[in-house]
């Protein structure tokens, strides 16, 4: 009995002070377990703390089943996690903390007037009130095992015994905010596969020099098509922003992960339609009529009635038509090139911006080594993984934040039950 008592008296150790780590600690402490959270940074959720209130999306107004379906090939893995702790459960938890989740017109859940730093402070205070021993500026470098089970963690060369360990170290996105590859290294040392990581939710660098004219400009509600090896794959109406060397905006951030993954296999082009409300054939017929009735004008003078001067310069570069050329001298081939420059303005993707600019990561600890309903390792008993240290990535928005909360909560609850 004394051996059993010593075993159950050992703390649950959480490694990581972001959303998943804090939810893991809070839920584990609910089971009256002793919990220690080690955060390598001096303050919690360093990445999340940089997010202003207007950009802090915490979840999506979707049922657990539909929410899981948005995670593509990882849908089956995340489904039981969202079933155990979905946005409804998150809303109830926040309500206890006197925080109200509110859905905006796009179905994104936010908390009014609460920014990332505010939220992290509230979660830390909640964890401490529930008895969690919160240790800041404390970097866990490895996890040790005994007979195929967690023994504890190593902190500054010292072994700290634990009944269970939850790895919630986050991904390698935004390393300038303190992100490291610690979680990946710990997992690999213990025999877990770590899939190659790549930046996601990041600006994409283009080959063309359109940024010279379009930098700082944002195009909203335009038709956007992504081509893989000349085949249209993604077609949406959305917003794109140009910088000197890259493209950004909600559409790019949402699809950057898929584009980056395919960029290693095939050429990728993006087309934007500056006049999405006009079908190509109808627009061309209108253009023929307009050019015929105004053939005394220069091309640039005519287009200047409809387009910004910088957009015209970009169209000129794309269509290779001199804007000072008289309309009366335009050939049929040049007219068709002009139509394409307006209705099918294309640029090719060269690469993505680096991890320091990425808000997410493709890759991480393989979910093949993790039980989806608990987050426990299939390789080391009583070792759990939560949040974006795992190779799980949903769309841009509140999907990944909800996964961080859900996976953390489930891991903490399961660990407390298993060791209690």
Protein backbone atom coordinates (compact mmCIF):
# COMPACT_ATOMS: atom_id res chain seq x y z
CA UNK A 1 0.00 0.00 0.00
CA UNK A 2 2.85 2.38 0.80
CA UNK A 3 4.36 1.83 -2.67
CA UNK A 4 1.01 2.59 -4.24
CA UNK A 5 0.67 5.71 -2.13
CA UNK A 6 4.12 6.95 -3.15
CA UNK A 7 3.20 6.38 -6.79
CA UNK A 8 -0.08 8.29 -6.66
CA UNK A 9 1.45 11.08 -4.60
CA UNK A 10 3.85 11.93 -7.41
CA UNK A 11 2.82 15.05 -9.34
CA UNK A 12 1.60 15.30 -12.89
CA UNK A 13 4.13 17.45 -14.71
CA UNK A 14 3.03 19.71 -17.56
CA UNK A 15 5.75 21.02 -19.86
CA UNK A 16 4.68 24.23 -21.61
CA UNK A 17 2.89 27.40 -20.55
CA UNK A 18 0.67 28.10 -23.56
CA UNK A 19 -3.07 27.41 -24.02
CA UNK A 20 -2.73 23.62 -24.22
CA UNK A 21 -0.38 23.42 -21.24
CA UNK A 22 -2.52 25.64 -19.05
CA UNK A 23 -5.72 23.75 -19.91
CA UNK A 24 -3.91 20.48 -19.20
CA UNK A 25 -2.82 21.78 -15.80
CA UNK A 26 -6.26 23.15 -14.96
CA UNK A 27 -8.08 19.93 -15.88
CA UNK A 28 -5.52 17.72 -14.12
CA UNK A 29 -5.86 19.82 -10.97
CA UNK A 30 -9.65 19.39 -11.09
CA UNK A 31 -9.01 15.75 -10.22
CA UNK A 32 -7.36 16.87 -6.96
CA UNK A 33 -3.97 15.82 -8.29
CA UNK A 34 -0.75 17.60 -7.49
CA UNK A 35 0.27 19.38 -10.69
CA UNK A 36 3.48 21.21 -11.57
CA UNK A 37 3.68 23.28 -14.75
CA UNK A 38 7.11 24.20 -16.10
CA UNK A 39 7.24 27.11 -18.53
CA UNK A 40 10.62 27.86 -20.12
CA UNK A 41 9.64 31.49 -20.74
CA UNK A 42 9.32 34.21 -18.09
CA UNK A 43 5.65 34.73 -18.93
CA UNK A 44 2.88 32.42 -20.17
CA UNK A 45 1.77 31.91 -23.76
CA UNK A 46 4.44 34.15 -25.22
CA UNK A 47 3.11 33.77 -28.78
CA UNK A 48 -0.55 34.13 -27.82
CA UNK A 49 0.31 37.14 -25.66
CA UNK A 50 1.26 39.09 -28.80
CA UNK A 51 -2.25 38.75 -30.30
CA UNK A 52 -4.46 41.87 -30.03
CA UNK A 53 -8.11 41.51 -29.01
CA UNK A 54 -9.45 42.03 -32.55
CA UNK A 55 -7.33 39.12 -33.86
CA UNK A 56 -7.76 36.70 -30.97
CA UNK A 57 -10.02 33.94 -32.33
CA UNK A 58 -10.54 31.18 -29.78
CA UNK A 59 -12.90 28.76 -31.51
CA UNK A 60 -15.44 28.31 -34.29
CA UNK A 61 -19.23 28.05 -34.09
CA UNK A 62 -19.32 24.45 -35.32
CA UNK A 63 -20.41 21.11 -33.92
CA UNK A 64 -17.56 18.80 -32.82
CA UNK A 65 -18.16 16.60 -35.88
CA UNK A 66 -18.01 19.46 -38.39
CA UNK A 67 -15.11 21.09 -36.55
CA UNK A 68 -13.14 17.85 -36.81
CA UNK A 69 -13.91 17.54 -40.53
CA UNK A 70 -12.02 20.79 -41.16
CA UNK A 71 -8.74 19.12 -40.17
CA UNK A 72 -8.50 17.08 -43.37
CA UNK A 73 -6.41 13.94 -43.00
CA UNK A 74 -6.30 14.48 -39.22
CA UNK A 75 -10.11 14.52 -38.86
CA UNK A 76 -10.29 11.02 -37.38
CA UNK A 77 -7.57 11.86 -34.88
CA UNK A 78 -9.14 15.09 -33.59
CA UNK A 79 -12.78 13.90 -33.63
CA UNK A 80 -12.76 12.14 -30.22
CA UNK A 81 -10.88 15.06 -28.70
CA UNK A 82 -13.50 17.59 -29.83
CA UNK A 83 -16.27 15.20 -28.78
CA UNK A 84 -14.82 15.14 -25.26
CA UNK A 85 -14.19 18.89 -25.11
CA UNK A 86 -15.72 21.10 -27.81
CA UNK A 87 -16.46 24.79 -28.02
CA UNK A 88 -19.55 24.32 -25.81
CA UNK A 89 -17.34 22.92 -23.05
CA UNK A 90 -14.84 25.72 -23.58
CA UNK A 91 -17.64 28.28 -23.29
CA UNK A 92 -18.78 26.71 -19.99
CA UNK A 93 -15.24 26.78 -18.61
CA UNK A 94 -14.78 30.41 -19.60
CA UNK A 95 -18.16 31.31 -18.13
CA UNK A 96 -16.92 30.07 -14.76
CA UNK A 97 -14.03 32.49 -15.22
CA UNK A 98 -16.54 35.28 -16.00
CA UNK A 99 -15.51 35.30 -19.67
CA UNK A 100 -18.12 35.15 -22.43
CA UNK A 101 -17.39 33.67 -25.84
CA UNK A 102 -19.18 35.65 -28.54
CA UNK A 103 -19.52 34.59 -32.18
CA UNK A 104 -18.94 37.25 -34.85
CA UNK A 105 -20.63 37.32 -38.27
CA UNK A 106 -18.14 34.75 -39.58
CA UNK A 107 -18.74 32.27 -36.77
CA UNK A 108 -15.42 33.04 -35.05
CA UNK A 109 -15.56 32.98 -31.25
CA UNK A 110 -13.86 35.82 -29.40
CA UNK A 111 -13.99 37.41 -25.96
CA UNK A 112 -14.78 41.11 -26.18
CA UNK A 113 -11.96 43.43 -25.10
CA UNK A 114 -9.69 40.52 -24.11
CA UNK A 115 -6.31 40.24 -25.81
CA UNK A 116 -3.89 37.33 -25.74
CA UNK A 117 -1.90 38.63 -22.79
CA UNK A 118 -5.08 39.16 -20.75
CA UNK A 119 -6.27 35.63 -21.50
CA UNK A 120 -2.97 34.02 -20.57
CA UNK A 121 -2.89 35.87 -17.24
CA UNK A 122 -6.44 34.73 -16.45
CA UNK A 123 -5.58 31.11 -17.23
CA UNK A 124 -2.41 31.21 -15.12
CA UNK A 125 -4.30 32.75 -12.20
CA UNK A 126 -6.98 30.07 -12.57
CA UNK A 127 -4.39 27.29 -12.59
CA UNK A 128 -2.69 28.65 -9.47
CA UNK A 129 -6.03 29.03 -7.65
CA UNK A 130 -6.72 25.36 -8.37
CA UNK A 131 -3.46 24.37 -6.76
CA UNK A 132 -1.14 24.15 -9.76
CA UNK A 133 2.48 24.88 -8.93
CA UNK A 134 3.45 27.26 -11.73
CA UNK A 135 7.18 27.48 -12.45
CA UNK A 136 8.29 30.15 -14.92
CA UNK A 137 11.72 30.39 -16.60
CA UNK A 138 12.07 26.64 -16.04
CA UNK A 139 13.20 24.66 -19.07
CA UNK A 140 12.64 20.91 -19.14
CA UNK A 141 15.23 19.35 -21.44
CA UNK A 142 14.14 15.72 -21.40
CA UNK A 143 11.81 13.09 -20.01
CA UNK A 144 13.21 9.92 -18.46
CA UNK A 145 11.47 6.56 -18.30
CA UNK A 146 11.48 3.45 -16.15
CA UNK A 147 10.32 0.09 -17.48
CA UNK A 148 8.51 1.67 -20.44
CA UNK A 149 6.69 4.19 -18.26
CA UNK A 150 7.32 7.83 -17.46
CA UNK A 151 9.69 8.33 -14.56
CA UNK A 152 9.78 12.10 -14.61
CA UNK A 153 11.52 15.08 -16.21
CA UNK A 154 15.01 16.51 -16.13
CA UNK A 155 15.21 20.17 -15.18
CA UNK A 156 18.63 21.88 -15.02
CA UNK A 157 20.26 18.46 -14.74
CA UNK A 158 18.02 17.41 -11.84
CA UNK A 159 15.52 14.57 -12.03
CA UNK A 160 11.97 15.48 -10.99
CA UNK A 161 9.77 12.43 -10.45
CA UNK A 162 6.29 12.43 -11.96
CA UNK A 163 3.31 10.10 -12.19
CA UNK A 164 2.60 11.45 -15.68
CA UNK A 165 4.10 14.02 -18.02
CA UNK A 166 2.17 16.15 -20.52
CA UNK A 167 4.23 17.67 -23.33
CA UNK A 168 2.54 20.91 -24.44
CA UNK A 169 5.58 22.84 -25.64
CA UNK A 170 3.97 24.18 -28.80
CA UNK A 171 5.37 24.28 -32.31
CA UNK A 172 8.36 26.09 -33.80
CA UNK A 173 6.27 28.94 -35.22
CA UNK A 174 7.42 32.49 -34.38
CA UNK A 175 10.73 31.46 -32.71
CA UNK A 176 11.38 35.18 -32.13
CA UNK A 177 8.65 34.88 -29.48
CA UNK A 178 10.48 32.13 -27.65
CA UNK A 179 9.42 29.01 -29.55
CA UNK A 180 11.89 26.15 -29.60
CA UNK A 181 12.04 22.58 -30.87
CA UNK A 182 12.19 21.18 -27.33
CA UNK A 183 9.01 19.14 -27.65
CA UNK A 184 10.18 17.55 -30.88
CA UNK A 185 13.56 16.63 -29.36
CA UNK A 186 11.95 15.13 -26.26
CA UNK A 187 9.57 13.06 -28.39
CA UNK A 188 12.34 11.82 -30.69
CA UNK A 189 14.57 10.78 -27.79
CA UNK A 190 11.72 8.61 -26.52
CA UNK A 191 11.25 6.88 -29.87
CA UNK A 192 8.44 8.95 -31.41
CA UNK A 193 8.47 9.90 -35.06
CA UNK A 194 8.59 13.65 -35.72
CA UNK A 195 7.40 14.60 -39.18
CA UNK A 196 9.43 17.29 -40.95
CA UNK A 197 8.27 20.76 -39.98
CA UNK A 198 7.52 23.60 -42.41
CA UNK A 199 6.13 27.11 -41.89
CA UNK A 200 2.35 27.56 -42.20
CA UNK A 201 -0.06 30.50 -41.93
CA UNK A 202 2.64 32.58 -43.52
CA UNK A 203 3.16 35.00 -46.40
CA UNK A 204 4.16 33.42 -49.71
CA UNK A 205 7.06 34.85 -51.72
CA UNK A 206 6.32 35.34 -55.42
CA UNK A 207 8.72 35.22 -58.37
CA UNK A 208 7.33 38.24 -60.21
CA UNK A 209 8.17 41.87 -59.35
CA UNK A 210 4.57 43.02 -58.92
CA UNK A 211 5.32 44.22 -55.40
CA UNK A 212 7.09 47.20 -56.98
CA UNK A 213 3.64 48.51 -57.90
CA UNK A 214 1.18 46.70 -55.63
CA UNK A 215 3.00 46.69 -52.28
CA UNK A 216 0.66 47.77 -49.49
CA UNK A 217 -2.46 47.23 -51.59
CA UNK A 218 -5.28 44.92 -50.51
CA UNK A 219 -7.84 43.44 -52.90
CA UNK A 220 -11.07 42.35 -51.23
CA UNK A 221 -13.84 40.07 -52.48
CA UNK A 222 -11.97 39.07 -55.60
CA UNK A 223 -12.05 35.68 -57.28
CA UNK A 224 -8.86 33.75 -56.46
CA UNK A 225 -7.74 30.50 -58.06
CA UNK A 226 -4.74 28.37 -57.08
CA UNK A 227 -3.19 26.15 -59.75
CA UNK A 228 -1.07 23.09 -59.06
CA UNK A 229 0.83 22.14 -62.22
CA UNK A 230 -1.63 24.25 -64.30
CA UNK A 231 -4.69 22.53 -62.78
CA UNK A 232 -7.17 24.67 -60.79
CA UNK A 233 -7.40 23.22 -57.28
CA UNK A 234 -8.63 26.00 -54.97
CA UNK A 235 -11.25 28.51 -56.13
CA UNK A 236 -12.65 31.05 -53.69
CA UNK A 237 -13.68 34.65 -53.28
CA UNK A 238 -11.41 36.31 -50.77
CA UNK A 239 -8.84 38.95 -49.90
CA UNK A 240 -5.20 39.16 -50.98
CA UNK A 241 -2.59 41.69 -49.87
CA UNK A 242 0.69 42.44 -51.63
CA UNK A 243 4.03 43.31 -50.06
CA UNK A 244 7.30 44.09 -51.85
CA UNK A 245 8.14 40.42 -52.34
CA UNK A 246 5.15 38.39 -51.20
CA UNK A 247 1.40 37.96 -50.93
CA UNK A 248 -0.56 37.78 -47.69
CA UNK A 249 -4.10 38.28 -46.43
CA UNK A 250 -6.76 35.89 -45.09
CA UNK A 251 -6.90 33.76 -48.24
CA UNK A 252 -3.13 33.22 -48.35
CA UNK A 253 -2.82 32.52 -44.62
CA UNK A 254 -5.68 30.02 -44.75
CA UNK A 255 -4.27 28.07 -47.69
CA UNK A 256 -0.53 28.57 -47.19
CA UNK A 257 -0.06 25.20 -45.47
CA UNK A 258 -1.58 23.28 -48.38
CA UNK A 259 0.28 25.40 -50.94
CA UNK A 260 3.64 24.93 -49.18
CA UNK A 261 3.08 21.19 -48.95
CA UNK A 262 2.40 20.98 -52.70
CA UNK A 263 5.12 23.44 -53.69
CA UNK A 264 7.72 20.74 -53.06
CA UNK A 265 5.99 18.54 -55.64
CA UNK A 266 4.67 20.82 -58.36
CA UNK A 267 4.71 24.41 -59.71
CA UNK A 268 2.13 26.62 -57.99
CA UNK A 269 0.45 29.66 -59.53
CA UNK A 270 -2.23 31.96 -58.16
CA UNK A 271 -4.67 33.86 -60.35
CA UNK A 272 -6.77 36.82 -59.29
CA UNK A 273 -9.72 38.28 -61.15
CA UNK A 274 -9.92 42.06 -60.76
CA UNK A 275 -13.51 42.07 -62.06
CA UNK A 276 -15.02 38.97 -60.51
CA UNK A 277 -18.62 40.06 -61.13
CA UNK A 278 -18.08 40.03 -64.92
CA UNK A 279 -17.77 36.67 -66.76
CA UNK A 280 -14.71 36.61 -68.99
CA UNK A 281 -16.66 36.34 -72.28
CA UNK A 282 -19.05 39.13 -71.32
CA UNK A 283 -16.17 41.34 -70.22
CA UNK A 284 -14.29 40.73 -73.47
CA UNK A 285 -17.39 41.63 -75.53
CA UNK A 286 -17.81 44.81 -73.48
CA UNK A 287 -14.12 45.64 -73.92
CA UNK A 288 -14.28 45.19 -77.70
CA UNK A 289 -17.21 47.62 -77.85
CA UNK A 290 -15.51 50.16 -75.57
CA UNK A 291 -12.20 50.04 -77.41
CA UNK A 292 -13.96 50.48 -80.76
CA UNK A 293 -15.82 53.57 -79.55
CA UNK A 294 -12.77 55.13 -77.88
CA UNK A 295 -9.97 54.20 -80.26
CA UNK A 296 -8.59 57.73 -80.16
CA UNK A 297 -7.38 57.15 -76.59
CA UNK A 298 -4.26 55.50 -75.26
CA UNK A 299 -4.65 52.17 -73.45
CA UNK A 300 -3.56 53.72 -70.16
CA UNK A 301 -6.06 56.58 -70.48
CA UNK A 302 -8.88 54.12 -71.03
CA UNK A 303 -7.94 51.79 -68.17
CA UNK A 304 -7.32 54.76 -65.89
CA UNK A 305 -11.09 55.25 -65.74
CA UNK A 306 -11.44 51.88 -64.00
CA UNK A 307 -8.16 51.02 -62.29
CA UNK A 308 -5.65 52.51 -59.87
CA UNK A 309 -2.44 53.69 -61.59
CA UNK A 310 -0.35 51.09 -59.77
CA UNK A 311 -2.72 48.29 -60.72
CA UNK A 312 -2.43 49.43 -64.34
CA UNK A 313 1.36 49.20 -64.14
CA UNK A 314 1.08 45.64 -62.83
CA UNK A 315 -1.38 44.75 -65.62
CA UNK A 316 1.04 46.30 -68.11
CA UNK A 317 3.83 44.10 -66.78
CA UNK A 318 1.61 41.00 -66.88
CA UNK A 319 0.04 41.59 -70.32
CA UNK A 320 3.16 43.21 -71.85
CA UNK A 321 1.04 45.94 -73.44
CA UNK A 322 2.47 49.45 -73.47
CA UNK A 323 -0.06 51.70 -71.74
CA UNK A 324 0.94 54.62 -73.96
CA UNK A 325 -0.05 52.68 -77.07
CA UNK A 326 -3.03 53.98 -79.04
CA UNK A 327 -6.13 51.80 -78.76
CA UNK A 328 -6.51 51.98 -82.55
CA UNK A 329 -3.22 50.09 -82.92
CA UNK A 330 -4.03 47.21 -80.54
CA UNK A 331 -4.08 43.79 -82.20
CA UNK A 332 -6.56 41.03 -81.35
CA UNK A 333 -3.76 39.14 -79.63
CA UNK A 334 -2.91 42.16 -77.47
CA UNK A 335 -6.57 42.67 -76.60
CA UNK A 336 -6.80 39.05 -75.42
CA UNK A 337 -3.62 39.54 -73.39
CA UNK A 338 -5.23 42.60 -71.79
CA UNK A 339 -8.33 40.56 -70.91
CA UNK A 340 -6.12 37.94 -69.28
CA UNK A 341 -4.19 40.62 -67.40
CA UNK A 342 -7.45 41.81 -65.85
CA UNK A 343 -9.43 38.57 -65.51
CA UNK A 344 -6.58 36.11 -64.98
CA UNK A 345 -3.75 38.06 -63.34
CA UNK A 346 -1.22 35.36 -62.44
CA UNK A 347 1.86 35.08 -60.32
CA UNK A 348 3.95 32.06 -59.35
CA UNK A 349 4.91 31.03 -55.83
CA UNK A 350 8.62 30.75 -55.14
CA UNK A 351 8.66 29.84 -51.44
CA UNK A 352 7.24 30.79 -48.07
CA UNK A 353 8.60 33.28 -45.58
CA UNK A 354 10.60 31.63 -42.75
CA UNK A 355 9.46 30.36 -39.34
CA UNK A 356 9.94 33.78 -37.75
CA UNK A 357 6.98 34.97 -39.81
CA UNK A 358 4.87 31.80 -39.49
CA UNK A 359 1.83 31.64 -37.24
CA UNK A 360 1.60 27.87 -37.53
CA UNK A 361 3.62 24.81 -38.45
CA UNK A 362 3.15 21.83 -40.73
CA UNK A 363 4.60 18.70 -39.18
CA UNK A 364 5.48 17.74 -35.64
CA UNK A 365 5.07 14.67 -33.44
CA UNK A 366 3.36 11.99 -35.52
CA UNK A 367 -0.21 11.25 -34.48
CA UNK A 368 0.43 7.61 -35.43
CA UNK A 369 2.25 7.31 -32.09
CA UNK A 370 -0.57 8.87 -30.04
CA UNK A 371 -3.92 7.52 -28.83
CA UNK A 372 -6.49 9.99 -30.23
CA UNK A 373 -9.03 9.71 -27.41
CA UNK A 374 -6.54 10.50 -24.63
CA UNK A 375 -3.40 12.08 -26.11
CA UNK A 376 -1.31 9.37 -24.45
CA UNK A 377 1.77 8.00 -26.17
CA UNK A 378 1.58 4.49 -27.61
CA UNK A 379 5.30 4.12 -26.88
CA UNK A 380 5.71 5.42 -23.32
CA UNK A 381 2.97 4.87 -20.76
CA UNK A 382 1.76 7.97 -18.86
CA UNK A 383 3.35 10.32 -21.41
CA UNK A 384 0.87 12.67 -23.10
CA UNK A 385 1.06 15.20 -25.91
CA UNK A 386 -1.22 18.20 -26.43
CA UNK A 387 -1.48 21.20 -28.74
CA UNK A 388 0.54 22.11 -31.78
CA UNK A 389 3.64 20.13 -30.83
CA UNK A 390 1.60 17.42 -32.59
CA UNK A 391 1.44 17.11 -36.37
CA UNK A 392 -2.08 18.54 -36.44
CA UNK A 393 -3.05 21.68 -38.34
CA UNK A 394 -6.52 23.00 -39.02
CA UNK A 395 -7.54 26.01 -41.15
CA UNK A 396 -6.64 29.56 -40.22
CA UNK A 397 -9.01 30.95 -37.61
CA UNK A 398 -10.06 29.50 -34.25
CA UNK A 399 -9.62 25.85 -35.21
CA UNK A 400 -6.10 25.35 -33.89
CA UNK A 401 -6.71 27.34 -30.73
CA UNK A 402 -9.70 25.12 -29.99
CA UNK A 403 -7.53 22.06 -30.64
CA UNK A 404 -4.94 23.41 -28.19
CA UNK A 405 -7.59 23.92 -25.51
CA UNK A 406 -9.33 20.60 -26.20
CA UNK A 407 -6.25 18.39 -26.44
CA UNK A 408 -4.77 20.00 -23.33
CA UNK A 409 -7.94 19.55 -21.32
CA UNK A 410 -8.38 15.92 -22.42
CA UNK A 411 -4.74 15.04 -21.68
CA UNK A 412 -4.91 16.61 -18.22
CA UNK A 413 -8.18 14.95 -17.32
CA UNK A 414 -7.03 11.54 -18.59
CA UNK A 415 -3.69 11.76 -16.80
CA UNK A 416 -5.39 12.67 -13.51
CA UNK A 417 -7.83 9.79 -13.81
CA UNK A 418 -5.14 7.28 -14.80
CA UNK A 419 -2.81 8.19 -11.95
CA UNK A 420 -5.44 8.83 -9.28
